[in-house]
Every structure is written in C-alpha cells, then in structure tokens.
Amino acid sequence: MSPTYAFFAHFAQTWGLVYFVALFVVVLAYALWPSRQKEFDESARVPLRED
C-alpha cells in the first residue's frame, strides 16, 4: 500500500465521518425545529385529504 493511498484513505475516513455527522445534525435540527412543526403536520395529513 502506497503512502499516498494510506493518507487519502485515512483523510476520507476521518473527514468523511465528520462531514456525515455534521450533515445528520443539520438535517435533524431542520426536522425538529419548532417553527417547522405546523408545516410537517400539514404535510402528514395530505394523503388523508379527499379532493
């Protein structure tokens, strides 16, 4: 295994994990933000509406 490959593999594993954890936190905060609750509740009722 070349040192270049090892460096990039380590870099991708470390910062890839940091990136995906940060992305998960942002999406979770967006979904659970109190001001979004009405919008999500309304969207949840869309399939139950009769047009």
N, C-alpha and C. Protein backbone atom coordinates (compact mmCIF):
# COMPACT_ATOMS: atom_id res chain seq x y z
N MET A 1 0.86 -1.17 0.00
CA MET A 1 0.00 0.00 0.00
C MET A 1 0.91 1.24 0.00
N SER A 2 0.64 2.13 -0.91
CA SER A 2 1.48 3.32 -1.03
C SER A 2 1.13 4.33 0.06
N PRO A 3 2.09 5.16 0.43
CA PRO A 3 1.82 6.18 1.45
C PRO A 3 0.74 7.18 1.01
N THR A 4 0.68 7.45 -0.28
CA THR A 4 -0.34 8.38 -0.78
C THR A 4 -1.73 7.81 -0.58
N TYR A 5 -1.88 6.53 -0.93
CA TYR A 5 -3.18 5.87 -0.75
C TYR A 5 -3.57 5.85 0.72
N ALA A 6 -2.62 5.51 1.59
CA ALA A 6 -2.90 5.44 3.02
C ALA A 6 -3.32 6.82 3.55
N PHE A 7 -2.65 7.87 3.09
CA PHE A 7 -3.00 9.21 3.53
C PHE A 7 -4.42 9.56 3.12
N PHE A 8 -4.74 9.34 1.84
CA PHE A 8 -6.08 9.71 1.36
C PHE A 8 -7.16 8.82 1.97
N ALA A 9 -6.86 7.56 2.22
CA ALA A 9 -7.83 6.68 2.86
C ALA A 9 -8.11 7.15 4.28
N HIS A 10 -7.07 7.50 5.00
CA HIS A 10 -7.24 8.00 6.37
C HIS A 10 -7.99 9.33 6.36
N PHE A 11 -7.64 10.22 5.45
CA PHE A 11 -8.30 11.51 5.33
C PHE A 11 -9.79 11.33 5.04
N ALA A 12 -10.13 10.46 4.09
CA ALA A 12 -11.52 10.25 3.71
C ALA A 12 -12.32 9.63 4.86
N GLN A 13 -11.72 8.70 5.57
CA GLN A 13 -12.42 8.07 6.68
C GLN A 13 -12.68 9.05 7.81
N THR A 14 -11.70 9.85 8.13
CA THR A 14 -11.83 10.79 9.24
C THR A 14 -12.78 11.93 8.89
N TRP A 15 -12.49 12.65 7.82
CA TRP A 15 -13.29 13.81 7.48
C TRP A 15 -14.62 13.44 6.85
N GLY A 16 -14.71 12.28 6.24
CA GLY A 16 -15.99 11.81 5.74
C GLY A 16 -16.95 11.57 6.88
N LEU A 17 -16.45 10.97 7.96
CA LEU A 17 -17.28 10.74 9.14
C LEU A 17 -17.72 12.07 9.75
N VAL A 18 -16.80 13.01 9.87
CA VAL A 18 -17.14 14.32 10.42
C VAL A 18 -18.19 15.00 9.55
N TYR A 19 -18.03 14.92 8.24
CA TYR A 19 -18.97 15.53 7.30
C TYR A 19 -20.36 14.94 7.46
N PHE A 20 -20.47 13.61 7.50
CA PHE A 20 -21.78 12.98 7.58
C PHE A 20 -22.44 13.18 8.94
N VAL A 21 -21.66 13.23 10.00
CA VAL A 21 -22.23 13.52 11.32
C VAL A 21 -22.77 14.95 11.35
N ALA A 22 -22.01 15.90 10.80
CA ALA A 22 -22.47 17.29 10.75
C ALA A 22 -23.73 17.41 9.89
N LEU A 23 -23.75 16.73 8.76
CA LEU A 23 -24.93 16.75 7.89
C LEU A 23 -26.14 16.16 8.61
N PHE A 24 -25.95 15.08 9.34
CA PHE A 24 -27.03 14.47 10.10
C PHE A 24 -27.58 15.43 11.15
N VAL A 25 -26.70 16.13 11.84
CA VAL A 25 -27.12 17.08 12.87
C VAL A 25 -27.92 18.23 12.25
N VAL A 26 -27.49 18.71 11.10
CA VAL A 26 -28.21 19.80 10.42
C VAL A 26 -29.59 19.34 9.99
N VAL A 27 -29.70 18.15 9.40
CA VAL A 27 -30.99 17.64 8.96
C VAL A 27 -31.90 17.38 10.16
N LEU A 28 -31.35 16.85 11.21
CA LEU A 28 -32.14 16.60 12.42
C LEU A 28 -32.64 17.91 13.03
N ALA A 29 -31.80 18.92 13.08
CA ALA A 29 -32.22 20.23 13.60
C ALA A 29 -33.31 20.83 12.72
N TYR A 30 -33.18 20.69 11.41
CA TYR A 30 -34.21 21.20 10.50
C TYR A 30 -35.55 20.50 10.74
N ALA A 31 -35.50 19.19 10.89
CA ALA A 31 -36.73 18.42 11.05
C ALA A 31 -37.39 18.66 12.41
N LEU A 32 -36.62 18.94 13.42
CA LEU A 32 -37.18 19.09 14.76
C LEU A 32 -37.33 20.55 15.20
N TRP A 33 -37.03 21.48 14.34
CA TRP A 33 -37.15 22.90 14.68
C TRP A 33 -38.62 23.22 14.96
N PRO A 34 -38.91 23.88 16.06
CA PRO A 34 -40.31 24.12 16.44
C PRO A 34 -41.14 24.86 15.40
N SER A 35 -40.57 25.80 14.68
CA SER A 35 -41.34 26.56 13.71
C SER A 35 -41.73 25.73 12.49
N ARG A 36 -41.13 24.60 12.29
CA ARG A 36 -41.44 23.73 11.16
C ARG A 36 -42.55 22.72 11.47
N GLN A 37 -42.96 22.63 12.72
CA GLN A 37 -43.91 21.61 13.13
C GLN A 37 -45.24 21.73 12.38
N LYS A 38 -45.75 22.94 12.23
CA LYS A 38 -47.03 23.13 11.55
C LYS A 38 -46.93 22.66 10.09
N GLU A 39 -45.84 23.02 9.44
CA GLU A 39 -45.63 22.62 8.05
C GLU A 39 -45.59 21.09 7.90
N PHE A 40 -44.87 20.43 8.80
CA PHE A 40 -44.77 18.97 8.72
C PHE A 40 -46.08 18.29 9.10
N ASP A 41 -46.81 18.84 10.07
CA ASP A 41 -48.12 18.27 10.42
C ASP A 41 -49.09 18.38 9.25
N GLU A 42 -49.06 19.51 8.57
CA GLU A 42 -49.92 19.69 7.41
C GLU A 42 -49.54 18.71 6.28
N SER A 43 -48.26 18.55 6.06
CA SER A 43 -47.80 17.61 5.03
C SER A 43 -48.16 16.16 5.38
N ALA A 44 -48.18 15.84 6.65
CA ALA A 44 -48.52 14.48 7.08
C ALA A 44 -49.98 14.16 6.81
N ARG A 45 -50.85 15.18 6.78
CA ARG A 45 -52.26 14.96 6.55
C ARG A 45 -52.65 14.93 5.07
N VAL A 46 -51.73 15.24 4.17
CA VAL A 46 -52.04 15.31 2.74
C VAL A 46 -52.63 14.00 2.21
N PRO A 47 -52.09 12.83 2.54
CA PRO A 47 -52.67 11.59 1.99
C PRO A 47 -54.09 11.31 2.50
N LEU A 48 -54.48 11.92 3.60
CA LEU A 48 -55.80 11.65 4.17
C LEU A 48 -56.89 12.57 3.63
N ARG A 49 -56.51 13.58 2.91
CA ARG A 49 -57.48 14.51 2.36
C ARG A 49 -58.24 13.89 1.21
N GLU A 50 -59.51 14.25 1.13
CA GLU A 50 -60.32 13.81 -0.02
C GLU A 50 -60.56 15.03 -0.90
N ASP A 51 -60.11 14.94 -2.12
CA ASP A 51 -60.27 16.07 -3.04
C ASP A 51 -61.52 15.98 -3.85
